[in-house]
Amino acid sequence: MKHFLTLRDFSKEEILEIIDTALAIKADLRAGIYKEELKKKTLAMIFEKSSTRTRVSFETGMFQLGGHALFLSNRDIHLGRGEPVKDTARVISSMCDMVMIRTFEHSMIEEFAAYSKVPVINGLTDSFHPVQLLADYMTLVEYGKEKNLVAAYVGDGNNMTHSWLMLAAKLGFELRVASPKGYEVNQEILTSALEIAKESGAKIVMLNDPKEAIKGATVVTTDTWASMGQEDEKEERIKAFKGYMVDEAMMSLAQDGAVFLHCLPAYRGQEVSEGVLESHAEIVFAEAENRLHVQKGLMVWLDKQRG
């Protein structure tokens, strides 16, 4: 049995196998074919952080696969109100076939997985957002942008950045990260990615100049400057990230035909301009839709690993 907590735990072959599974499931759906590969199985969805895409994609995905999803907020269960994580994990995993958790501290999901009898999926923690990176890469494959990939991430050194680090390290492509001083990535996670990159041949470069990062890139991506739980820092962060908005002038530095990705929600006029987002809306919203398809592929793949 495998859990899906971070891409660090998966090989290149496993990541690509999940993507291939997702692409096949998406093709079936487009052809009107519904294979109930998780028929009568149940996914427990624990939300300590709210979400649009995560809830809709997992709940819809389980329905399309013939299963059922249970929405459990921290107001609905005893987790966070006195019951230890390990006890909640033991109970829920004795009743459900899979668990998806969207929470704050990564240590919480690690503890849950340690006591769970069923696969646990990271729907987002403060450290990693691996399901989003699966959707991002699936989208690049569909648009033929995965070959000779040079990705530029501009913005906060957050869970998205950490997940890009892991994807690049595992798959062996070039990643340039530009963040303001004081907002760089976690050094322990960076060190881990650089160690993996030695084997895969990935080139990972850390910068403070967004223009230097984007120059010649084939994919440009960013994220909100103030994540959930950082609302009190919003004004301070807007000042710190001055000059980091991906606008038309910034995108013009990338290779001809370069694409822009965003995990959404996007704050136009802050991390990305209205013009850049709208001119790349087709791929950005295909990326959002692919959360549904890639997570279906992931759940089917994890279920098969259990035998």
C-alpha atoms as a PDB file:
ATOM      1  CA  MET A   1       0.000   0.000   0.000  1.00  0.00           C
ATOM      2  CA  LYS A   2       1.245   3.470  -0.885  1.00  0.00           C
ATOM      3  CA  HIS A   3       0.222   6.890   0.369  1.00  0.00           C
ATOM      4  CA  PHE A   4       0.426   9.998  -1.829  1.00  0.00           C
ATOM      5  CA  LEU A   5       1.866  12.642   0.472  1.00  0.00           C
ATOM      6  CA  THR A   6       4.644  14.126  -1.676  1.00  0.00           C
ATOM      7  CA  LEU A   7       6.172  13.425  -5.074  1.00  0.00           C
ATOM      8  CA  ARG A   8       9.437  12.747  -3.257  1.00  0.00           C
ATOM      9  CA  ASP A   9       8.060   9.274  -2.430  1.00  0.00           C
ATOM     10  CA  PHE A  10       7.445   8.335  -6.081  1.00  0.00           C
ATOM     11  CA  SER A  11       9.746   7.323  -8.920  1.00  0.00           C
ATOM     12  CA  LYS A  12       9.693   8.930 -12.349  1.00  0.00           C
ATOM     13  CA  GLU A  13       8.105   5.758 -13.730  1.00  0.00           C
ATOM     14  CA  GLU A  14       5.333   5.799 -11.129  1.00  0.00           C
ATOM     15  CA  ILE A  15       4.547   9.484 -11.739  1.00  0.00           C
ATOM     16  CA  LEU A  16       4.318   8.925 -15.502  1.00  0.00           C
ATOM     17  CA  GLU A  17       2.214   5.788 -14.954  1.00  0.00           C
ATOM     18  CA  ILE A  18      -0.295   7.823 -12.929  1.00  0.00           C
ATOM     19  CA  ILE A  19      -0.391  10.466 -15.691  1.00  0.00           C
ATOM     20  CA  ASP A  20      -0.960   7.785 -18.340  1.00  0.00           C
ATOM     21  CA  THR A  21      -3.765   6.269 -16.258  1.00  0.00           C
ATOM     22  CA  ALA A  22      -5.371   9.706 -15.962  1.00  0.00           C
ATOM     23  CA  LEU A  23      -5.086  10.388 -19.701  1.00  0.00           C
ATOM     24  CA  ALA A  24      -6.782   7.062 -20.480  1.00  0.00           C
ATOM     25  CA  ILE A  25      -9.600   7.756 -18.006  1.00  0.00           C
ATOM     26  CA  LYS A  26     -10.092  11.238 -19.473  1.00  0.00           C
ATOM     27  CA  ALA A  27     -10.239   9.797 -23.010  1.00  0.00           C
ATOM     28  CA  ASP A  28     -12.892   7.325 -21.887  1.00  0.00           C
ATOM     29  CA  LEU A  29     -14.945  10.120 -20.329  1.00  0.00           C
ATOM     30  CA  ARG A  30     -14.746  12.157 -23.536  1.00  0.00           C
ATOM     31  CA  ALA A  31     -16.063   9.089 -25.390  1.00  0.00           C
ATOM     32  CA  GLY A  32     -18.924   8.718 -22.914  1.00  0.00           C
ATOM     33  CA  ILE A  33     -17.404   5.622 -21.304  1.00  0.00           C
ATOM     34  CA  TYR A  34     -17.669   5.383 -17.525  1.00  0.00           C
ATOM     35  CA  LYS A  35     -15.635   2.544 -16.038  1.00  0.00           C
ATOM     36  CA  GLU A  36     -16.680   2.136 -12.415  1.00  0.00           C
ATOM     37  CA  GLU A  37     -13.217   1.173 -11.241  1.00  0.00           C
ATOM     38  CA  LEU A  38     -13.955   2.241  -7.662  1.00  0.00           C
ATOM     39  CA  LYS A  39     -17.510   0.902  -7.509  1.00  0.00           C
ATOM     40  CA  LYS A  40     -18.986   0.918  -3.998  1.00  0.00           C
ATOM     41  CA  LYS A  41     -15.757   2.293  -2.561  1.00  0.00           C
ATOM     42  CA  THR A  42     -15.665   5.313  -0.292  1.00  0.00           C
ATOM     43  CA  LEU A  43     -13.335   8.294  -0.116  1.00  0.00           C
ATOM     44  CA  ALA A  44     -13.237  10.265   3.138  1.00  0.00           C
ATOM     45  CA  MET A  45     -12.366  13.915   2.394  1.00  0.00           C
ATOM     46  CA  ILE A  46     -11.063  15.776   5.450  1.00  0.00           C
ATOM     47  CA  PHE A  47     -10.953  19.541   4.983  1.00  0.00           C
ATOM     48  CA  GLU A  48      -9.207  21.716   7.563  1.00  0.00           C
ATOM     49  CA  LYS A  49      -8.578  24.208   4.723  1.00  0.00           C
ATOM     50  CA  SER A  50     -11.451  25.142   2.430  1.00  0.00           C
ATOM     51  CA  SER A  51     -11.241  24.760  -1.345  1.00  0.00           C
ATOM     52  CA  THR A  52     -13.178  24.996  -4.603  1.00  0.00           C
ATOM     53  CA  ARG A  53     -11.190  22.769  -6.956  1.00  0.00           C
ATOM     54  CA  THR A  54     -10.133  20.130  -4.436  1.00  0.00           C
ATOM     55  CA  ARG A  55     -13.611  19.367  -3.174  1.00  0.00           C
ATOM     56  CA  VAL A  56     -15.379  19.455  -6.542  1.00  0.00           C
ATOM     57  CA  SER A  57     -12.720  17.389  -8.332  1.00  0.00           C
ATOM     58  CA  PHE A  58     -12.438  14.619  -5.736  1.00  0.00           C
ATOM     59  CA  GLU A  59     -16.175  14.381  -5.097  1.00  0.00           C
ATOM     60  CA  THR A  60     -17.048  14.361  -8.798  1.00  0.00           C
ATOM     61  CA  GLY A  61     -14.201  11.972  -9.528  1.00  0.00           C
ATOM     62  CA  MET A  62     -15.394   9.381  -7.025  1.00  0.00           C
ATOM     63  CA  PHE A  63     -18.935   9.612  -8.401  1.00  0.00           C
ATOM     64  CA  GLN A  64     -17.719   9.064 -11.977  1.00  0.00           C
ATOM     65  CA  LEU A  65     -15.680   6.053 -10.824  1.00  0.00           C
ATOM     66  CA  GLY A  66     -18.746   4.495  -9.184  1.00  0.00           C
ATOM     67  CA  GLY A  67     -17.742   5.334  -5.627  1.00  0.00           C
ATOM     68  CA  HIS A  68     -18.865   7.765  -2.960  1.00  0.00           C
ATOM     69  CA  ALA A  69     -17.100  10.724  -1.318  1.00  0.00           C
ATOM     70  CA  LEU A  70     -17.753  11.962   2.215  1.00  0.00           C
ATOM     71  CA  PHE A  71     -17.090  15.653   2.925  1.00  0.00           C
ATOM     72  CA  LEU A  72     -15.740  16.048   6.465  1.00  0.00           C
ATOM     73  CA  SER A  73     -14.812  19.538   7.655  1.00  0.00           C
ATOM     74  CA  ASN A  74     -13.191  20.144  11.027  1.00  0.00           C
ATOM     75  CA  ARG A  75     -16.627  21.293  12.194  1.00  0.00           C
ATOM     76  CA  ASP A  76     -18.134  17.901  11.342  1.00  0.00           C
ATOM     77  CA  ILE A  77     -15.714  15.513  13.059  1.00  0.00           C
ATOM     78  CA  HIS A  78     -13.840  15.343  16.360  1.00  0.00           C
ATOM     79  CA  LEU A  79     -10.436  15.839  14.750  1.00  0.00           C
ATOM     80  CA  GLY A  80      -9.119  19.149  16.032  1.00  0.00           C
ATOM     81  CA  ARG A  81     -11.615  19.149  18.896  1.00  0.00           C
ATOM     82  CA  GLY A  82      -9.835  16.852  21.286  1.00  0.00           C
ATOM     83  CA  GLU A  83      -9.471  13.541  19.468  1.00  0.00           C
ATOM     84  CA  PRO A  84      -5.867  12.679  18.550  1.00  0.00           C
ATOM     85  CA  VAL A  85      -5.026  12.427  14.855  1.00  0.00           C
ATOM     86  CA  LYS A  86      -3.984   8.787  15.260  1.00  0.00           C
ATOM     87  CA  ASP A  87      -7.369   7.826  16.705  1.00  0.00           C
ATOM     88  CA  THR A  88      -9.273   9.575  13.922  1.00  0.00           C
ATOM     89  CA  ALA A  89      -7.040   7.814  11.386  1.00  0.00           C
ATOM     90  CA  ARG A  90      -7.720   4.407  12.914  1.00  0.00           C
ATOM     91  CA  VAL A  91     -11.488   4.957  12.915  1.00  0.00           C
ATOM     92  CA  ILE A  92     -11.931   6.487   9.458  1.00  0.00           C
ATOM     93  CA  SER A  93      -9.562   4.060   7.744  1.00  0.00           C
ATOM     94  CA  SER A  94     -11.500   1.145   9.225  1.00  0.00           C
ATOM     95  CA  MET A  95     -14.653   2.355   7.477  1.00  0.00           C
ATOM     96  CA  CYS A  96     -13.439   3.958   4.227  1.00  0.00           C
ATOM     97  CA  ASP A  97     -11.293   2.750   1.327  1.00  0.00           C
ATOM     98  CA  MET A  98      -9.226   5.902   0.850  1.00  0.00           C
ATOM     99  CA  VAL A  99      -8.691   9.246   2.596  1.00  0.00           C
ATOM    100  CA  MET A 100      -7.920  12.677   1.139  1.00  0.00           C
ATOM    101  CA  ILE A 101      -6.766  15.392   3.532  1.00  0.00           C
ATOM    102  CA  ARG A 102      -6.397  19.139   2.941  1.00  0.00           C
ATOM    103  CA  THR A 103      -4.761  20.668   5.971  1.00  0.00           C
ATOM    104  CA  PHE A 104      -2.141  23.034   7.349  1.00  0.00           C
ATOM    105  CA  GLU A 105       0.864  21.223   8.867  1.00  0.00           C
ATOM    106  CA  HIS A 106       2.417  18.453   6.804  1.00  0.00           C
ATOM    107  CA  SER A 107       3.216  16.568  10.011  1.00  0.00           C
ATOM    108  CA  MET A 108      -0.520  16.083  10.563  1.00  0.00           C
ATOM    109  CA  ILE A 109      -1.003  14.173   7.312  1.00  0.00           C
ATOM    110  CA  GLU A 110       2.160  12.148   7.970  1.00  0.00           C
ATOM    111  CA  GLU A 111       0.824  11.092  11.371  1.00  0.00           C
ATOM    112  CA  PHE A 112      -2.569  10.247   9.887  1.00  0.00           C
ATOM    113  CA  ALA A 113      -0.950   8.100   7.194  1.00  0.00           C
ATOM    114  CA  ALA A 114       1.185   6.291   9.772  1.00  0.00           C
ATOM    115  CA  TYR A 115      -1.966   5.025  11.512  1.00  0.00           C
ATOM    116  CA  SER A 116      -4.188   4.592   8.432  1.00  0.00           C
ATOM    117  CA  LYS A 117      -5.064   1.162   7.042  1.00  0.00           C
ATOM    118  CA  VAL A 118      -5.893   2.680   3.634  1.00  0.00           C
ATOM    119  CA  PRO A 119      -4.127   5.036   1.170  1.00  0.00           C
ATOM    120  CA  VAL A 120      -3.961   8.689   2.209  1.00  0.00           C
ATOM    121  CA  ILE A 121      -3.806  11.460  -0.410  1.00  0.00           C
ATOM    122  CA  ASN A 122      -2.381  14.905   0.234  1.00  0.00           C
ATOM    123  CA  GLY A 123      -4.974  17.388  -1.054  1.00  0.00           C
ATOM    124  CA  LEU A 124      -2.684  20.213   0.151  1.00  0.00           C
ATOM    125  CA  THR A 125      -0.532  20.997   3.157  1.00  0.00           C
ATOM    126  CA  ASP A 126       1.569  24.036   3.946  1.00  0.00           C
ATOM    127  CA  SER A 127       4.592  22.123   2.610  1.00  0.00           C
ATOM    128  CA  PHE A 128       3.347  20.377  -0.541  1.00  0.00           C
ATOM    129  CA  HIS A 129       0.530  20.346  -3.106  1.00  0.00           C
ATOM    130  CA  PRO A 130       1.388  17.236  -5.169  1.00  0.00           C
ATOM    131  CA  VAL A 131      -2.017  16.603  -6.780  1.00  0.00           C
ATOM    132  CA  GLN A 132      -1.825  20.050  -8.379  1.00  0.00           C
ATOM    133  CA  LEU A 133       1.570  19.227  -9.882  1.00  0.00           C
ATOM    134  CA  LEU A 134       0.177  16.026 -11.363  1.00  0.00           C
ATOM    135  CA  ALA A 135      -2.534  18.127 -13.012  1.00  0.00           C
ATOM    136  CA  ASP A 136       0.037  20.661 -14.203  1.00  0.00           C
ATOM    137  CA  TYR A 137       2.244  18.042 -15.798  1.00  0.00           C
ATOM    138  CA  MET A 138      -0.704  16.212 -17.344  1.00  0.00           C
ATOM    139  CA  THR A 139      -1.713  19.514 -18.953  1.00  0.00           C
ATOM    140  CA  LEU A 140       1.789  20.072 -20.313  1.00  0.00           C
ATOM    141  CA  VAL A 141       1.720  16.576 -21.820  1.00  0.00           C
ATOM    142  CA  GLU A 142      -1.624  17.280 -23.506  1.00  0.00           C
ATOM    143  CA  TYR A 143      -0.312  20.550 -24.948  1.00  0.00           C
ATOM    144  CA  GLY A 144       2.984  18.970 -26.056  1.00  0.00           C
ATOM    145  CA  LYS A 145       5.032  21.154 -23.724  1.00  0.00           C
ATOM    146  CA  GLU A 146       6.692  18.426 -21.649  1.00  0.00           C
ATOM    147  CA  LYS A 147       9.587  17.935 -24.059  1.00  0.00           C
ATOM    148  CA  ASN A 148      12.714  20.080 -23.481  1.00  0.00           C
ATOM    149  CA  LEU A 149      10.854  21.609 -20.549  1.00  0.00           C
ATOM    150  CA  VAL A 150      12.321  24.721 -18.953  1.00  0.00           C
ATOM    151  CA  ALA A 151       9.987  25.882 -16.195  1.00  0.00           C
ATOM    152  CA  ALA A 152      10.149  29.229 -14.410  1.00  0.00           C
ATOM    153  CA  TYR A 153       8.360  29.658 -11.090  1.00  0.00           C
ATOM    154  CA  VAL A 154       8.006  33.277  -9.973  1.00  0.00           C
ATOM    155  CA  GLY A 155       6.758  34.075  -6.499  1.00  0.00           C
ATOM    156  CA  ASP A 156       6.549  32.827  -2.945  1.00  0.00           C
ATOM    157  CA  GLY A 157       8.610  29.807  -1.891  1.00  0.00           C
ATOM    158  CA  ASN A 158       5.519  27.924  -0.768  1.00  0.00           C
ATOM    159  CA  ASN A 159       3.899  24.497  -1.121  1.00  0.00           C
ATOM    160  CA  MET A 160       3.532  24.943  -4.879  1.00  0.00           C
ATOM    161  CA  THR A 161       7.203  25.823  -5.260  1.00  0.00           C
ATOM    162  CA  HIS A 162       8.224  22.829  -3.155  1.00  0.00           C
ATOM    163  CA  SER A 163       6.097  20.563  -5.331  1.00  0.00           C
ATOM    164  CA  TRP A 164       7.622  21.990  -8.513  1.00  0.00           C
ATOM    165  CA  LEU A 165      11.041  21.274  -7.004  1.00  0.00           C
ATOM    166  CA  MET A 166      10.095  17.650  -6.430  1.00  0.00           C
ATOM    167  CA  LEU A 167       8.555  17.208  -9.889  1.00  0.00           C
ATOM    168  CA  ALA A 168      11.605  18.674 -11.610  1.00  0.00           C
ATOM    169  CA  ALA A 169      13.980  16.608  -9.498  1.00  0.00           C
ATOM    170  CA  LYS A 170      12.098  13.384 -10.225  1.00  0.00           C
ATOM    171  CA  LEU A 171      11.477  13.929 -13.942  1.00  0.00           C
ATOM    172  CA  GLY A 172      14.791  15.574 -14.734  1.00  0.00           C
ATOM    173  CA  PHE A 173      13.831  18.900 -16.327  1.00  0.00           C
ATOM    174  CA  GLU A 174      15.128  22.435 -15.746  1.00  0.00           C
ATOM    175  CA  LEU A 175      13.429  24.558 -13.099  1.00  0.00           C
ATOM    176  CA  ARG A 176      14.265  28.144 -12.202  1.00  0.00           C
ATOM    177  CA  VAL A 177      12.695  29.621  -9.065  1.00  0.00           C
ATOM    178  CA  ALA A 178      12.672  33.365  -8.417  1.00  0.00           C
ATOM    179  CA  SER A 179      11.525  34.630  -5.006  1.00  0.00           C
ATOM    180  CA  PRO A 180      12.174  37.840  -3.065  1.00  0.00           C
ATOM    181  CA  LYS A 181      14.763  37.628  -0.305  1.00  0.00           C
ATOM    182  CA  GLY A 182      13.127  36.338   2.831  1.00  0.00           C
ATOM    183  CA  TYR A 183      10.477  34.426   0.897  1.00  0.00           C
ATOM    184  CA  GLU A 184      12.623  31.642  -0.539  1.00  0.00           C
ATOM    185  CA  VAL A 185      11.855  27.934  -0.402  1.00  0.00           C
ATOM    186  CA  ASN A 186      12.412  25.707   2.619  1.00  0.00           C
ATOM    187  CA  GLN A 187      16.123  24.832   2.635  1.00  0.00           C
ATOM    188  CA  GLU A 188      15.601  21.254   3.792  1.00  0.00           C
ATOM    189  CA  ILE A 189      13.191  20.595   0.911  1.00  0.00           C
ATOM    190  CA  LEU A 190      15.565  22.284  -1.548  1.00  0.00           C
ATOM    191  CA  THR A 191      18.467  20.137  -0.341  1.00  0.00           C
ATOM    192  CA  SER A 192      16.361  17.012  -0.797  1.00  0.00           C
ATOM    193  CA  ALA A 193      15.399  18.065  -4.343  1.00  0.00           C
ATOM    194  CA  LEU A 194      19.006  18.798  -5.267  1.00  0.00           C
ATOM    195  CA  GLU A 195      20.077  15.351  -4.048  1.00  0.00           C
ATOM    196  CA  ILE A 196      17.418  13.686  -6.221  1.00  0.00           C
ATOM    197  CA  ALA A 197      18.393  15.927  -9.157  1.00  0.00           C
ATOM    198  CA  LYS A 198      21.925  14.481  -9.128  1.00  0.00           C
ATOM    199  CA  GLU A 199      20.452  11.157 -10.268  1.00  0.00           C
ATOM    200  CA  SER A 200      17.813  12.460 -12.696  1.00  0.00           C
ATOM    201  CA  GLY A 201      19.951  15.162 -14.323  1.00  0.00           C
ATOM    202  CA  ALA A 202      17.497  17.910 -13.385  1.00  0.00           C
ATOM    203  CA  LYS A 203      18.834  21.463 -13.355  1.00  0.00           C
ATOM    204  CA  ILE A 204      17.453  23.484 -10.448  1.00  0.00           C
ATOM    205  CA  VAL A 205      18.391  27.153 -10.113  1.00  0.00           C
ATOM    206  CA  MET A 206      17.374  29.496  -7.282  1.00  0.00           C
ATOM    207  CA  LEU A 207      17.198  33.213  -8.092  1.00  0.00           C
ATOM    208  CA  ASN A 208      15.877  36.525  -6.803  1.00  0.00           C
ATOM    209  CA  ASP A 209      15.403  38.104 -10.246  1.00  0.00           C
ATOM    210  CA  PRO A 210      12.125  37.025 -11.930  1.00  0.00           C
ATOM    211  CA  LYS A 211      13.267  38.267 -15.342  1.00  0.00           C
ATOM    212  CA  GLU A 212      16.372  36.092 -15.182  1.00  0.00           C
ATOM    213  CA  ALA A 213      14.192  33.098 -14.291  1.00  0.00           C
ATOM    214  CA  ILE A 214      11.740  33.627 -17.142  1.00  0.00           C
ATOM    215  CA  LYS A 215      14.262  34.391 -19.887  1.00  0.00           C
ATOM    216  CA  GLY A 216      14.040  31.539 -22.408  1.00  0.00           C
ATOM    217  CA  ALA A 217      11.572  29.478 -20.336  1.00  0.00           C
ATOM    218  CA  THR A 218       8.981  27.282 -22.054  1.00  0.00           C
ATOM    219  CA  VAL A 219       6.579  27.329 -19.093  1.00  0.00           C
ATOM    220  CA  VAL A 220       5.995  30.184 -16.649  1.00  0.00           C
ATOM    221  CA  THR A 221       4.020  29.678 -13.468  1.00  0.00           C
ATOM    222  CA  THR A 222       3.203  31.503 -10.254  1.00  0.00           C
ATOM    223  CA  ASP A 223       0.881  31.408  -7.247  1.00  0.00           C
ATOM    224  CA  THR A 224      -0.832  33.809  -4.904  1.00  0.00           C
ATOM    225  CA  TRP A 225       1.558  35.854  -2.776  1.00  0.00           C
ATOM    226  CA  ALA A 226      -0.461  35.305   0.414  1.00  0.00           C
ATOM    227  CA  SER A 227      -1.704  31.756   0.934  1.00  0.00           C
ATOM    228  CA  MET A 228      -4.550  30.688   3.193  1.00  0.00           C
ATOM    229  CA  GLY A 229      -3.584  31.492   6.762  1.00  0.00           C
ATOM    230  CA  GLN A 230      -1.340  34.397   5.713  1.00  0.00           C
ATOM    231  CA  GLU A 231      -4.087  36.985   5.328  1.00  0.00           C
ATOM    232  CA  ASP A 232      -2.562  39.195   8.038  1.00  0.00           C
ATOM    233  CA  GLU A 233       0.628  39.459   5.953  1.00  0.00           C
ATOM    234  CA  LYS A 234      -1.121  40.449   2.737  1.00  0.00           C
ATOM    235  CA  GLU A 235      -0.159  44.138   2.613  1.00  0.00           C
ATOM    236  CA  GLU A 236       3.407  43.408   3.688  1.00  0.00           C
ATOM    237  CA  ARG A 237       3.702  40.709   1.024  1.00  0.00           C
ATOM    238  CA  ILE A 238       2.335  42.964  -1.735  1.00  0.00           C
ATOM    239  CA  LYS A 239       5.203  45.370  -0.989  1.00  0.00           C
ATOM    240  CA  ALA A 240       7.805  42.592  -0.811  1.00  0.00           C
ATOM    241  CA  PHE A 241       6.695  41.097  -4.137  1.00  0.00           C
ATOM    242  CA  LYS A 242       6.773  44.354  -6.087  1.00  0.00           C
ATOM    243  CA  GLY A 243       8.211  43.569  -9.518  1.00  0.00           C
ATOM    244  CA  TYR A 244       7.185  39.907  -9.370  1.00  0.00           C
ATOM    245  CA  MET A 245       3.889  40.180 -11.248  1.00  0.00           C
ATOM    246  CA  VAL A 246       3.920  38.057 -14.391  1.00  0.00           C
ATOM    247  CA  ASP A 247       2.726  40.608 -16.943  1.00  0.00           C
ATOM    248  CA  GLU A 248       3.038  40.884 -20.710  1.00  0.00           C
ATOM    249  CA  ALA A 249       6.536  42.370 -20.536  1.00  0.00           C
ATOM    250  CA  MET A 250       7.673  39.534 -18.276  1.00  0.00           C
ATOM    251  CA  MET A 251       6.124  36.824 -20.485  1.00  0.00           C
ATOM    252  CA  SER A 252       7.804  38.325 -23.561  1.00  0.00           C
ATOM    253  CA  LEU A 253      11.148  37.187 -22.117  1.00  0.00           C
ATOM    254  CA  ALA A 254      10.103  33.544 -22.335  1.00  0.00           C
ATOM    255  CA  GLN A 255      10.522  31.405 -25.462  1.00  0.00           C
ATOM    256  CA  ASP A 256       8.118  31.953 -28.327  1.00  0.00           C
ATOM    257  CA  GLY A 257       5.110  29.750 -27.715  1.00  0.00           C
ATOM    258  CA  ALA A 258       5.724  29.567 -23.957  1.00  0.00           C
ATOM    259  CA  VAL A 259       2.671  28.863 -21.817  1.00  0.00           C
ATOM    260  CA  PHE A 260       1.528  30.249 -18.495  1.00  0.00           C
ATOM    261  CA  LEU A 261       0.123  28.077 -15.710  1.00  0.00           C
ATOM    262  CA  HIS A 262      -1.622  29.008 -12.458  1.00  0.00           C
ATOM    263  CA  CYS A 263      -3.106  26.666  -9.845  1.00  0.00           C
ATOM    264  CA  LEU A 264      -5.881  29.195  -9.084  1.00  0.00           C
ATOM    265  CA  PRO A 265      -7.432  31.172  -7.533  1.00  0.00           C
ATOM    266  CA  ALA A 266      -5.594  33.953  -9.375  1.00  0.00           C
ATOM    267  CA  TYR A 267      -5.423  37.509  -8.104  1.00  0.00           C
ATOM    268  CA  ARG A 268      -5.231  39.632 -11.230  1.00  0.00           C
ATOM    269  CA  GLY A 269      -3.070  42.703 -10.835  1.00  0.00           C
ATOM    270  CA  GLN A 270      -0.947  41.029  -8.163  1.00  0.00           C
ATOM    271  CA  GLU A 271       0.933  37.847  -9.114  1.00  0.00           C
ATOM    272  CA  VAL A 272      -0.380  37.915 -12.698  1.00  0.00           C
ATOM    273  CA  SER A 273      -1.795  40.559 -15.003  1.00  0.00           C
ATOM    274  CA  GLU A 274      -5.287  40.345 -16.458  1.00  0.00           C
ATOM    275  CA  GLY A 275      -3.800  40.230 -19.965  1.00  0.00           C
ATOM    276  CA  VAL A 276      -1.474  37.293 -19.300  1.00  0.00           C
ATOM    277  CA  LEU A 277      -4.111  35.238 -17.540  1.00  0.00           C
ATOM    278  CA  GLU A 278      -6.764  35.825 -20.181  1.00  0.00           C
ATOM    279  CA  SER A 279      -4.391  35.209 -23.091  1.00  0.00           C
ATOM    280  CA  HIS A 280      -3.520  31.837 -21.515  1.00  0.00           C
ATOM    281  CA  ALA A 281      -6.999  31.108 -20.185  1.00  0.00           C
ATOM    282  CA  GLU A 282      -7.450  28.008 -22.344  1.00  0.00           C
ATOM    283  CA  ILE A 283      -4.512  26.166 -20.795  1.00  0.00           C
ATOM    284  CA  VAL A 284      -5.032  27.570 -17.274  1.00  0.00           C
ATOM    285  CA  PHE A 285      -8.603  26.296 -17.120  1.00  0.00           C
ATOM    286  CA  ALA A 286      -7.646  23.022 -18.817  1.00  0.00           C
ATOM    287  CA  GLU A 287      -5.117  22.726 -15.990  1.00  0.00           C
ATOM    288  CA  ALA A 288      -7.916  23.309 -13.455  1.00  0.00           C
ATOM    289  CA  GLU A 289     -10.161  20.700 -15.111  1.00  0.00           C
ATOM    290  CA  ASN A 290      -7.318  18.204 -15.103  1.00  0.00           C
ATOM    291  CA  ARG A 291      -7.449  18.110 -11.321  1.00  0.00           C
ATOM    292  CA  LEU A 292     -10.567  15.964 -11.843  1.00  0.00           C
ATOM    293  CA  HIS A 293      -8.974  13.601 -14.333  1.00  0.00           C
ATOM    294  CA  VAL A 294      -5.541  13.215 -12.759  1.00  0.00           C
ATOM    295  CA  GLN A 295      -6.980  12.581  -9.304  1.00  0.00           C
ATOM    296  CA  LYS A 296      -9.192   9.878 -10.752  1.00  0.00           C
ATOM    297  CA  GLY A 297      -6.069   8.343 -12.260  1.00  0.00           C
ATOM    298  CA  LEU A 298      -4.284   8.643  -8.928  1.00  0.00           C
ATOM    299  CA  MET A 299      -7.099   7.018  -6.964  1.00  0.00           C
ATOM    300  CA  VAL A 300      -7.391   4.142  -9.416  1.00  0.00           C
ATOM    301  CA  TRP A 301      -3.603   3.670  -9.372  1.00  0.00           C
ATOM    302  CA  LEU A 302      -3.443   3.703  -5.552  1.00  0.00           C
ATOM    303  CA  ASP A 303      -6.337   1.269  -5.315  1.00  0.00           C
ATOM    304  CA  LYS A 304      -4.541  -1.164  -7.628  1.00  0.00           C
ATOM    305  CA  GLN A 305      -1.403  -0.985  -5.488  1.00  0.00           C
ATOM    306  CA  ARG A 306      -3.367  -2.430  -2.579  1.00  0.00           C
ATOM    307  CA  GLY A 307      -4.039  -5.574  -4.654  1.00  0.00           C
END
